[in-house]
Protein backbone atom coordinates (compact mmCIF):
# COMPACT_ATOMS: atom_id res chain seq x y z
CA MET A 1 -12.30 5.05 -21.83
CA GLU A 2 -10.15 3.60 -19.02
CA ARG A 3 -8.64 6.30 -16.71
CA MET A 4 -4.77 6.42 -16.17
CA PRO A 5 -4.12 4.56 -12.99
CA LEU A 6 -2.70 5.99 -9.99
CA PHE A 7 -0.02 3.30 -9.78
CA ASP A 8 0.80 0.34 -11.83
CA PRO A 9 2.46 -2.99 -10.59
CA PRO A 10 5.38 -2.74 -13.06
CA GLU A 11 8.08 -5.65 -13.44
CA GLU A 12 11.25 -5.48 -11.47
CA LYS A 13 13.26 -4.98 -14.50
CA ASP A 14 11.19 -1.93 -15.69
CA LEU A 15 11.38 -0.12 -12.59
CA PRO A 16 13.43 3.04 -13.32
CA GLN A 17 16.26 3.92 -10.95
CA SER A 18 15.03 7.46 -10.97
CA MET A 19 12.00 6.43 -8.67
CA PRO A 20 12.56 6.93 -5.20
CA LEU A 21 13.95 4.09 -3.25
CA ALA A 22 10.70 3.60 -1.20
CA ALA A 23 8.65 3.20 -4.49
CA ARG A 24 11.23 0.64 -6.09
CA MET A 25 10.96 -1.24 -2.89
CA ARG A 26 7.33 -1.32 -2.40
CA PRO A 27 6.20 -5.05 -2.03
CA GLN A 28 4.18 -6.73 -4.69
CA THR A 29 3.15 -9.99 -2.81
CA PHE A 30 2.32 -11.05 0.74
CA VAL A 31 5.70 -12.75 0.77
CA GLU A 32 7.57 -9.56 0.51
CA PHE A 33 5.06 -7.40 2.87
CA VAL A 34 6.66 -6.66 6.36
CA GLY A 35 4.41 -6.00 9.28
CA GLN A 36 0.69 -6.13 10.27
CA GLN A 37 0.58 -9.76 10.62
CA HIS A 38 -2.84 -9.23 12.50
CA LEU A 39 -4.19 -8.44 9.26
CA VAL A 40 -2.22 -10.18 6.78
CA ALA A 41 -0.95 -13.50 8.22
CA GLU A 42 -1.98 -16.64 6.71
CA GLY A 43 -5.69 -17.17 7.78
CA ARG A 44 -6.44 -13.76 8.66
CA VAL A 45 -9.87 -12.48 7.44
CA LEU A 46 -8.23 -9.58 5.29
CA ARG A 47 -5.78 -11.81 3.57
CA LYS A 48 -8.34 -14.32 2.83
CA CYS A 49 -10.75 -11.75 1.59
CA ILE A 50 -7.75 -10.65 -0.93
CA GLU A 51 -6.76 -13.92 -2.06
CA ALA A 52 -10.30 -14.98 -2.63
CA ASP A 53 -11.07 -11.78 -4.45
CA GLN A 54 -14.07 -11.24 -2.39
CA LEU A 55 -13.48 -7.75 -0.77
CA PRO A 56 -16.03 -5.73 1.23
CA SER A 57 -15.89 -2.03 1.21
CA MET A 58 -13.21 -1.03 3.81
CA VAL A 59 -10.83 1.70 5.21
CA PHE A 60 -7.28 1.19 5.96
CA TRP A 61 -6.33 3.47 8.91
CA GLY A 62 -2.78 3.61 10.04
CA PRO A 63 0.47 6.04 10.36
CA PRO A 64 2.45 7.04 7.33
CA GLY A 65 4.59 4.35 5.96
CA SER A 66 2.95 1.51 7.68
CA GLY A 67 1.50 -0.06 4.45
CA LYS A 68 -1.56 0.91 3.61
CA THR A 69 -0.95 2.00 -0.07
CA THR A 70 1.14 -1.07 -0.42
CA LEU A 71 -1.88 -3.33 0.75
CA ALA A 72 -3.75 -1.57 -2.33
CA HIS A 73 -1.00 -2.62 -4.85
CA ILE A 74 -1.34 -6.11 -3.55
CA ILE A 75 -4.94 -5.89 -4.08
CA ALA A 76 -4.47 -4.24 -7.57
CA ASN A 77 -2.13 -7.46 -8.46
CA VAL A 78 -4.54 -10.01 -7.29
CA THR A 79 -7.93 -8.83 -7.99
CA ARG A 80 -10.03 -10.03 -10.96
CA ALA A 81 -12.17 -6.76 -10.65
CA GLN A 82 -11.25 -3.53 -12.32
CA PHE A 83 -9.05 -1.49 -9.78
CA SER A 84 -9.53 2.09 -10.31
CA PRO A 85 -7.19 4.24 -7.77
CA LEU A 86 -7.60 7.88 -7.08
CA SER A 87 -5.57 10.30 -4.90
CA ALA A 88 -7.80 12.36 -2.89
CA VAL A 89 -4.92 14.98 -2.95
CA SER A 90 -5.56 15.82 -6.61
CA ALA A 91 -9.01 14.11 -7.57
CA GLY A 92 -12.38 15.90 -7.41
CA VAL A 93 -16.08 15.12 -7.68
CA ALA A 94 -15.86 15.02 -11.60
CA ASP A 95 -12.88 12.33 -11.26
CA LEU A 96 -15.29 10.22 -8.93
CA ARG A 97 -18.11 10.52 -11.46
CA SER A 98 -16.06 9.48 -14.50
CA VAL A 99 -14.88 6.33 -12.49
CA ILE A 100 -18.45 5.64 -11.39
CA GLY A 101 -19.61 5.80 -14.76
CA GLU A 102 -17.28 3.55 -16.05
CA ALA A 103 -17.85 0.94 -13.34
CA LYS A 104 -21.73 1.28 -14.26
CA LYS A 105 -21.10 0.54 -17.91
CA ARG A 106 -18.57 -2.53 -17.09
CA LEU A 107 -20.89 -3.99 -14.43
CA LYS A 108 -23.83 -3.70 -17.30
CA SER A 109 -21.85 -5.16 -20.22
CA SER A 110 -19.68 -7.72 -18.91
CA GLY A 111 -20.40 -8.18 -14.95
CA GLN A 112 -17.13 -7.18 -13.89
CA ARG A 113 -16.79 -5.32 -10.58
CA THR A 114 -14.89 -2.15 -9.76
CA ILE A 115 -12.89 -1.50 -6.92
CA LEU A 116 -12.45 2.19 -6.07
CA PHE A 117 -9.40 3.17 -4.14
CA VAL A 118 -9.08 6.44 -2.74
CA ASP A 119 -5.69 7.32 -1.22
CA GLU A 120 -5.81 9.91 1.79
CA ILE A 121 -9.54 9.72 1.89
CA HIS A 122 -9.49 12.23 4.65
CA ARG A 123 -8.65 14.84 2.28
CA PHE A 124 -12.01 14.33 0.68
CA ASN A 125 -14.74 16.85 1.93
CA LYS A 126 -18.13 15.91 2.99
CA ALA A 127 -19.47 16.65 -0.58
CA GLN A 128 -16.82 14.44 -2.35
CA GLN A 129 -17.68 11.65 0.24
CA ASP A 130 -21.20 11.95 -0.28
CA ALA A 131 -20.85 11.55 -4.01
CA VAL A 132 -19.28 7.99 -3.41
CA LEU A 133 -22.06 6.86 -0.94
CA PRO A 134 -24.98 5.78 -3.05
CA PHE A 135 -22.76 3.62 -5.39
CA VAL A 136 -21.16 2.08 -2.53
CA GLU A 137 -24.56 1.34 -1.02
CA ASN A 138 -25.85 -0.29 -4.44
CA GLY A 139 -22.80 -2.19 -5.26
CA THR A 140 -21.81 -0.26 -8.39
CA VAL A 141 -18.28 -0.02 -6.64
CA THR A 142 -16.33 -1.70 -3.85
CA PHE A 143 -14.90 1.34 -1.95
CA ILE A 144 -11.37 1.12 -0.28
CA GLY A 145 -9.93 4.09 1.32
CA ALA A 146 -6.53 4.68 2.94
CA THR A 147 -6.17 7.46 5.75
CA THR A 148 -3.58 8.38 8.23
CA GLU A 149 -6.49 10.10 10.32
CA ASN A 150 -8.94 8.60 12.47
CA PRO A 151 -11.93 7.85 10.31
CA SER A 152 -14.25 8.27 13.15
CA PHE A 153 -13.58 12.08 12.48
CA GLU A 154 -12.64 12.28 8.87
CA VAL A 155 -15.01 9.74 7.10
CA ILE A 156 -18.77 10.68 7.02
CA ALA A 157 -20.61 8.29 9.18
CA PRO A 158 -22.91 6.87 6.36
CA LEU A 159 -20.04 5.89 4.27
CA LEU A 160 -17.88 4.66 7.38
CA SER A 161 -20.97 2.55 8.40
CA ARG A 162 -20.72 0.60 5.22
CA CYS A 163 -16.88 -0.35 5.54
CA ARG A 164 -14.99 -2.52 7.72
CA VAL A 165 -12.05 -0.50 9.23
CA PHE A 166 -8.66 -2.24 9.41
CA ARG A 167 -6.21 -0.65 11.81
CA LEU A 168 -2.51 -0.57 10.66
CA ASN A 169 0.30 -0.22 13.30
CA LEU A 170 3.45 1.59 13.39
CA LEU A 171 6.18 -0.77 12.34
CA SER A 172 8.42 -2.28 14.90
CA ASP A 173 12.02 -1.22 14.92
CA GLU A 174 12.79 -4.91 14.00
CA GLU A 175 10.43 -4.62 10.93
CA VAL A 176 11.89 -1.24 9.73
CA ARG A 177 15.39 -2.84 10.12
CA LEU A 178 14.37 -5.83 7.99
CA ILE A 179 13.09 -3.43 5.09
CA VAL A 180 16.27 -1.16 5.33
CA GLU A 181 18.59 -4.47 5.32
CA ARG A 182 16.58 -5.63 2.36
CA ALA A 183 16.90 -2.46 0.44
CA ILE A 184 20.91 -2.39 0.78
CA LYS A 185 20.97 -5.97 -0.44
CA ASP A 186 18.47 -6.01 -3.24
CA VAL A 187 20.32 -5.67 -6.56
CA GLU A 188 17.28 -5.38 -8.82
CA ARG A 189 14.97 -2.67 -7.04
CA GLY A 190 17.31 -1.60 -4.11
CA LEU A 191 20.68 -0.55 -3.63
CA GLY A 192 22.56 -3.77 -3.96
CA LYS A 193 24.60 -2.69 -7.00
CA LEU A 194 26.19 0.18 -4.84
CA GLN A 195 28.22 -2.13 -2.47
CA ILE A 196 26.88 -0.49 0.61
CA THR A 197 27.79 -1.08 4.19
CA ILE A 198 26.42 0.66 7.23
CA SER A 199 27.76 0.80 10.60
CA GLU A 200 25.65 -0.53 13.46
CA GLU A 201 25.29 2.86 15.10
CA ALA A 202 24.11 4.42 11.96
CA LEU A 203 21.45 1.57 11.13
CA ARG A 204 20.29 1.58 14.80
CA HIS A 205 19.94 5.51 14.56
CA LEU A 206 18.33 5.34 11.38
CA VAL A 207 15.78 2.79 12.62
CA THR A 208 14.88 4.47 15.84
CA MET A 209 14.36 7.81 14.26
CA SER A 210 12.17 6.47 11.56
CA ASN A 211 9.72 5.98 14.34
CA GLY A 212 7.93 2.94 12.49
CA ASP A 213 7.73 4.64 9.24
CA ALA A 214 9.37 2.49 6.37
CA ARG A 215 8.93 5.59 3.88
CA VAL A 216 11.11 7.69 6.08
CA ALA A 217 13.73 4.94 6.50
CA LEU A 218 14.31 4.28 2.91
CA ASN A 219 14.19 8.05 2.09
CA ALA A 220 16.95 8.77 4.48
CA LEU A 221 18.88 5.72 3.44
CA GLU A 222 18.78 6.81 -0.19
CA MET A 223 19.91 10.32 0.92
CA ALA A 224 22.83 9.07 2.87
CA ALA A 225 23.93 6.80 0.19
CA SER A 226 23.88 9.53 -2.35
CA ALA A 227 25.80 11.86 -0.05
CA THR A 228 28.57 9.17 0.65
CA VAL A 229 31.76 9.04 -1.43
CA PRO A 230 32.86 5.39 -2.28
CA ASP A 231 36.40 4.43 -1.28
CA ALA A 232 38.95 3.46 -3.93
CA SER A 233 37.51 -0.22 -4.16
CA GLY A 234 33.74 1.37 -5.03
CA LEU A 235 32.43 0.42 -1.38
CA LEU A 236 30.16 2.94 0.18
CA SER A 237 30.47 3.12 3.90
CA ILE A 238 27.51 4.83 5.42
CA ASN A 239 28.23 6.03 9.06
CA LEU A 240 26.31 7.78 11.89
CA SER A 241 27.00 11.43 10.62
CA ALA A 242 25.70 10.39 7.28
CA ILE A 243 22.34 9.29 8.82
CA GLU A 244 22.27 12.13 11.21
CA GLU A 245 22.52 14.54 7.99
CA ALA A 246 19.80 12.62 6.16
CA LEU A 247 17.41 12.78 9.19
CA GLN A 248 18.68 16.30 10.20
CA HIS A 249 15.12 17.64 11.29
CA ARG A 250 14.12 14.55 13.05
CA ALA A 251 17.30 13.82 14.72
CA LEU A 252 17.59 17.40 15.95
CA LEU A 253 14.22 17.26 17.63
CA TYR A 254 14.14 13.69 18.91
CA ASP A 255 17.63 12.58 19.34
CA LYS A 256 19.28 14.86 21.49
CA SER A 257 18.33 13.10 24.84
CA GLY A 258 17.32 9.74 23.22
CA ASP A 259 13.65 10.43 23.88
CA GLN A 260 11.08 8.25 21.78
CA HIS A 261 7.44 8.93 20.56
CA TYR A 262 6.11 6.80 23.26
CA ASP A 263 8.40 7.95 26.03
CA LEU A 264 7.11 11.29 25.48
CA ILE A 265 3.62 10.64 25.47
CA SER A 266 3.92 8.46 28.66
CA ALA A 267 5.84 11.29 30.30
CA LEU A 268 2.80 13.65 29.64
CA HIS A 269 0.29 11.32 30.63
CA LYS A 270 2.03 10.50 34.23
CA SER A 271 2.74 14.25 34.55
CA LEU A 272 -0.94 14.79 34.15
CA ARG A 273 -1.87 12.06 36.48
CA GLY A 274 0.71 13.54 39.02
CA SER A 275 -1.13 16.89 38.84
CA ASP A 276 1.84 18.68 37.67
CA PRO A 277 0.78 21.51 34.85
CA ASP A 278 4.36 22.51 34.54
CA ALA A 279 5.79 19.15 33.79
CA ALA A 280 2.77 18.21 31.62
CA LEU A 281 3.12 21.52 29.52
CA TYR A 282 6.83 20.83 29.07
CA TRP A 283 6.20 17.42 27.56
CA LEU A 284 3.19 18.63 25.52
CA GLY A 285 5.82 21.12 24.11
CA ARG A 286 8.35 18.73 23.44
CA MET A 287 5.93 16.57 21.51
CA LEU A 288 4.57 19.43 19.50
CA GLU A 289 7.76 21.16 18.57
CA ALA A 290 9.00 17.75 17.57
CA GLY A 291 6.26 17.50 15.07
CA GLU A 292 4.06 15.24 16.62
CA ASP A 293 0.54 14.93 15.24
CA PRO A 294 -1.51 17.29 17.37
CA LEU A 295 -4.67 15.06 17.06
CA TYR A 296 -2.66 12.09 18.23
CA ILE A 297 -2.09 14.08 21.52
CA ALA A 298 -5.83 15.28 21.47
CA ARG A 299 -7.13 11.81 21.46
CA ARG A 300 -4.73 10.82 24.33
CA LEU A 301 -6.04 13.70 26.38
CA VAL A 302 -9.85 12.76 25.88
CA ARG A 303 -8.67 9.17 26.94
CA PHE A 304 -7.05 10.58 30.19
CA ALA A 305 -10.07 12.81 30.82
CA SER A 306 -12.29 9.48 31.32
CA GLU A 307 -9.73 7.20 32.61
CA ASP A 308 -7.92 9.42 35.27
CA VAL A 309 -10.40 12.30 35.80
CA GLY A 310 -13.83 10.71 35.02
CA VAL A 311 -16.69 12.14 37.06
CA ALA A 312 -14.46 13.74 39.74
CA ASP A 313 -14.63 16.54 37.25
CA PRO A 314 -17.10 16.02 34.45
CA GLN A 315 -15.88 19.12 32.69
CA ALA A 316 -12.68 17.55 32.02
CA LEU A 317 -14.09 15.43 29.19
CA VAL A 318 -15.72 18.49 27.79
CA ILE A 319 -12.49 20.48 27.78
CA ALA A 320 -10.47 17.66 26.27
CA VAL A 321 -12.96 17.18 23.31
CA ALA A 322 -13.03 20.95 22.81
CA ALA A 323 -9.47 21.03 22.29
CA GLN A 324 -9.54 18.30 20.07
CA GLN A 325 -12.25 20.22 17.84
CA ALA A 326 -10.26 23.24 18.10
CA VAL A 327 -7.22 21.51 16.69
CA HIS A 328 -9.18 20.11 13.92
CA PHE A 329 -10.73 23.33 13.32
CA ILE A 330 -7.79 25.84 13.13
CA GLY A 331 -4.65 23.59 12.87
CA LEU A 332 -1.28 24.39 14.08
CA PRO A 333 0.35 26.71 15.33
CA GLU A 334 -2.79 28.21 16.57
CA GLY A 335 -4.12 24.93 17.97
CA ASN A 336 -1.30 24.52 20.29
CA LEU A 337 -2.84 26.87 22.92
CA ALA A 338 -6.06 24.84 22.88
CA LEU A 339 -3.97 21.88 23.84
CA ALA A 340 -2.13 23.59 26.32
CA GLU A 341 -5.23 24.85 27.85
CA ALA A 342 -6.67 21.19 28.17
CA VAL A 343 -3.37 20.06 29.63
CA VAL A 344 -3.45 22.57 32.50
CA TYR A 345 -7.10 22.01 33.03
CA LEU A 346 -6.46 18.08 33.20
CA ALA A 347 -3.53 18.55 35.47
CA ALA A 348 -5.05 20.81 37.76
CA ALA A 349 -8.39 18.61 37.87
CA PRO A 350 -9.31 16.22 40.80
CA LYS A 351 -8.43 12.70 39.87
CA SER A 352 -10.35 9.58 40.29
CA ASN A 353 -10.16 6.26 38.29
CA SER A 354 -13.16 4.90 39.74
CA LEU A 355 -15.06 5.07 36.34
CA TYR A 356 -12.22 3.12 34.65
CA GLN A 357 -12.44 0.51 37.65
CA ALA A 358 -16.08 0.15 37.01
CA TYR A 359 -16.08 -0.49 33.51
CA SER A 360 -13.15 -3.04 34.00
CA ARG A 361 -15.46 -4.93 36.39
CA VAL A 362 -18.21 -4.77 34.10
CA GLN A 363 -16.27 -6.00 31.16
CA GLU A 364 -14.82 -8.77 33.48
CA ASP A 365 -18.21 -9.98 34.51
CA ILE A 366 -19.50 -9.91 30.85
CA GLN A 367 -16.56 -11.77 29.51
CA GLN A 368 -16.31 -14.42 32.16
CA GLY A 369 -20.07 -14.78 33.11
CA ARG A 370 -23.16 -15.90 31.36
CA ASN A 371 -25.44 -13.34 29.67
CA GLU A 372 -28.03 -12.86 32.34
CA PRO A 373 -31.70 -12.27 31.13
CA VAL A 374 -33.33 -8.79 31.73
CA PRO A 375 -35.66 -9.10 34.55
CA LEU A 376 -39.15 -9.14 33.18
CA HIS A 377 -40.48 -5.77 34.85
CA LEU A 378 -37.67 -3.88 32.91
CA ARG A 379 -38.57 -5.34 29.62
CA ASN A 380 -40.77 -3.18 27.45
CA PRO A 381 -44.34 -4.83 26.74
CA VAL A 382 -44.71 -3.99 23.26
CA THR A 383 -47.20 -6.69 22.29
CA ASP A 384 -50.14 -8.06 24.04
CA LEU A 385 -48.25 -11.49 24.33
CA MET A 386 -45.55 -9.80 26.01
CA ARG A 387 -47.81 -8.35 28.34
CA GLN A 388 -49.33 -11.83 28.93
CA MET A 389 -45.80 -12.98 29.68
CA GLY A 390 -45.26 -10.31 32.27
CA HIS A 391 -42.99 -7.78 30.49
CA GLY A 392 -43.19 -4.53 32.30
CA GLN A 393 -45.42 -5.91 35.20
CA GLY A 394 -44.44 -4.52 38.49
CA TYR A 395 -42.12 -1.51 37.21
CA LYS A 396 -41.88 1.48 39.38
CA TYR A 397 -41.79 4.77 37.24
CA ALA A 398 -39.18 7.06 39.33
CA HIS A 399 -40.89 10.25 38.65
CA ASP A 400 -44.17 9.07 40.51
CA TYR A 401 -41.97 9.00 43.91
CA THR A 402 -40.46 11.49 46.07
CA ASP A 403 -37.22 12.77 44.91
CA HIS A 404 -37.93 11.10 41.51
CA PHE A 405 -36.34 7.87 42.97
CA VAL A 406 -37.47 4.51 44.21
CA LYS A 407 -35.76 1.51 45.12
CA GLN A 408 -36.04 -1.54 42.57
CA GLN A 409 -34.16 -4.28 41.02
CA ASN A 410 -32.32 -3.08 37.85
CA LEU A 411 -29.88 -5.64 37.52
CA PRO A 412 -30.27 -9.36 36.60
CA THR A 413 -31.21 -11.34 39.59
CA ALA A 414 -27.76 -13.37 39.71
CA ILE A 415 -25.89 -10.21 40.18
CA GLN A 416 -28.49 -8.25 42.14
CA GLY A 417 -26.91 -6.07 44.82
CA LYS A 418 -23.49 -5.97 42.92
CA HIS A 419 -21.81 -2.56 42.96
CA TYR A 420 -19.31 -1.65 39.99
CA TYR A 421 -19.03 2.21 40.36
CA VAL A 422 -17.58 3.12 43.73
CA PRO A 423 -17.05 6.97 43.87
CA THR A 424 -14.23 8.46 45.74
CA GLU A 425 -14.23 11.67 48.04
CA GLN A 426 -12.60 13.57 45.15
CA GLY A 427 -14.36 16.52 43.45
CA TYR A 428 -17.83 16.08 42.18
CA GLU A 429 -17.67 12.31 43.02
CA LYS A 430 -18.13 13.26 46.62
CA GLU A 431 -21.71 14.57 45.73
CA ILE A 432 -22.43 11.67 43.82
CA ALA A 433 -21.25 9.28 46.69
CA ASP A 434 -23.47 11.38 49.25
CA ARG A 435 -26.40 10.84 46.81
CA LEU A 436 -25.95 7.25 46.19
CA LYS A 437 -25.61 6.65 49.87
CA LYS A 438 -28.99 8.68 50.57
CA TRP A 439 -30.82 6.68 47.91
CA TRP A 440 -29.23 3.12 48.14
CA GLY A 441 -27.86 3.15 51.73
CA ARG A 442 -24.47 2.35 49.91
CA ALA A 443 -21.14 2.58 51.74
CA GLN A 444 -18.57 4.17 49.56
CA GLU A 445 -16.20 1.33 50.09
CA GLU A 446 -18.64 -1.26 48.81
CA VAL A 447 -17.65 -3.14 45.45
């Protein structure tokens, strides 16, 4: 017996007006889909896979309202495979087993493939994800998961290794504006029958405060339209105050001074780089009290620890990752203090971007130069033939020498003597600089 689907692609005329506007306006084809052109533009791999009905197992990762479930709808519309959707909010192992059992029967009887779509896959625990794994591996189902969380943290490694991860971005203001304007004009699925006009300042405020989330924008538009009284001619004129009412929580926290998501994280990052713990704590508080995703902040702190502190204080990365783990483990509001501790530590830590610069130089050489061969003495002589070819010959084992160090060539001959990492005199890097100078006779400024 087939399971009841999580969603159906009904005909436009069958869409009940009782459905939320965001659900009614959900695109059914690529022509209607807005945003994510890096994935769904003509000729892109994901679009070609969907249109050819040759889908690998994959995970859609992106912020709310960016189009993850909509892409699943489009797949459901075009695939010849059986599309079996589940919501991780309500489904359990028994539901998974039922879908997989049906998939086995279907594959055996008719050869038809089954696509298992799990919305909000991050809500599945390890046991639930483990239950899917063997059937993805043996091809019983093609798995598609959707998540707002980093799959590296929320999807078990064996399952993730068998999936392509497609990253969806926040919608731009222009894209959200297009979606809103389309909903206002659409007579069949939108609000077109209501004869709505919206002031430019109200529309701009709605788009800005939606922060790239199409669902937030459409929900607020629908609420504002419901609360607006038509004039004598039946015209609904939505003004700024109506939109502010519909976005009350968001507007209160984000709109008082016109700050935006990216402005706040930029202020936090620059305050950390400027070694100002007070300012960094303030911007952290602004983001957390506004309802920002704490794991987003934690990821940025981890990046900062490597990029702007580096090995001037190797403990900085440990503290940042510990904060991420603490937030993930205990959530909010208790996790706020773990983030605050990390912010203060990072602000007060000695700063160095030498690690960031070193890796940038490595990237440049790799991308612009040729792939240089590994020197023979560094190659592992696994077979007799390799030994005869000189693999490993002349290699000096560092532990056999004084101070466990010996000079020898470790880079390809073409770039021998080049220095990518140049330590500063900041914090622990001064010790590293002294050690490298003792071993290699390097001057600090060499590049």
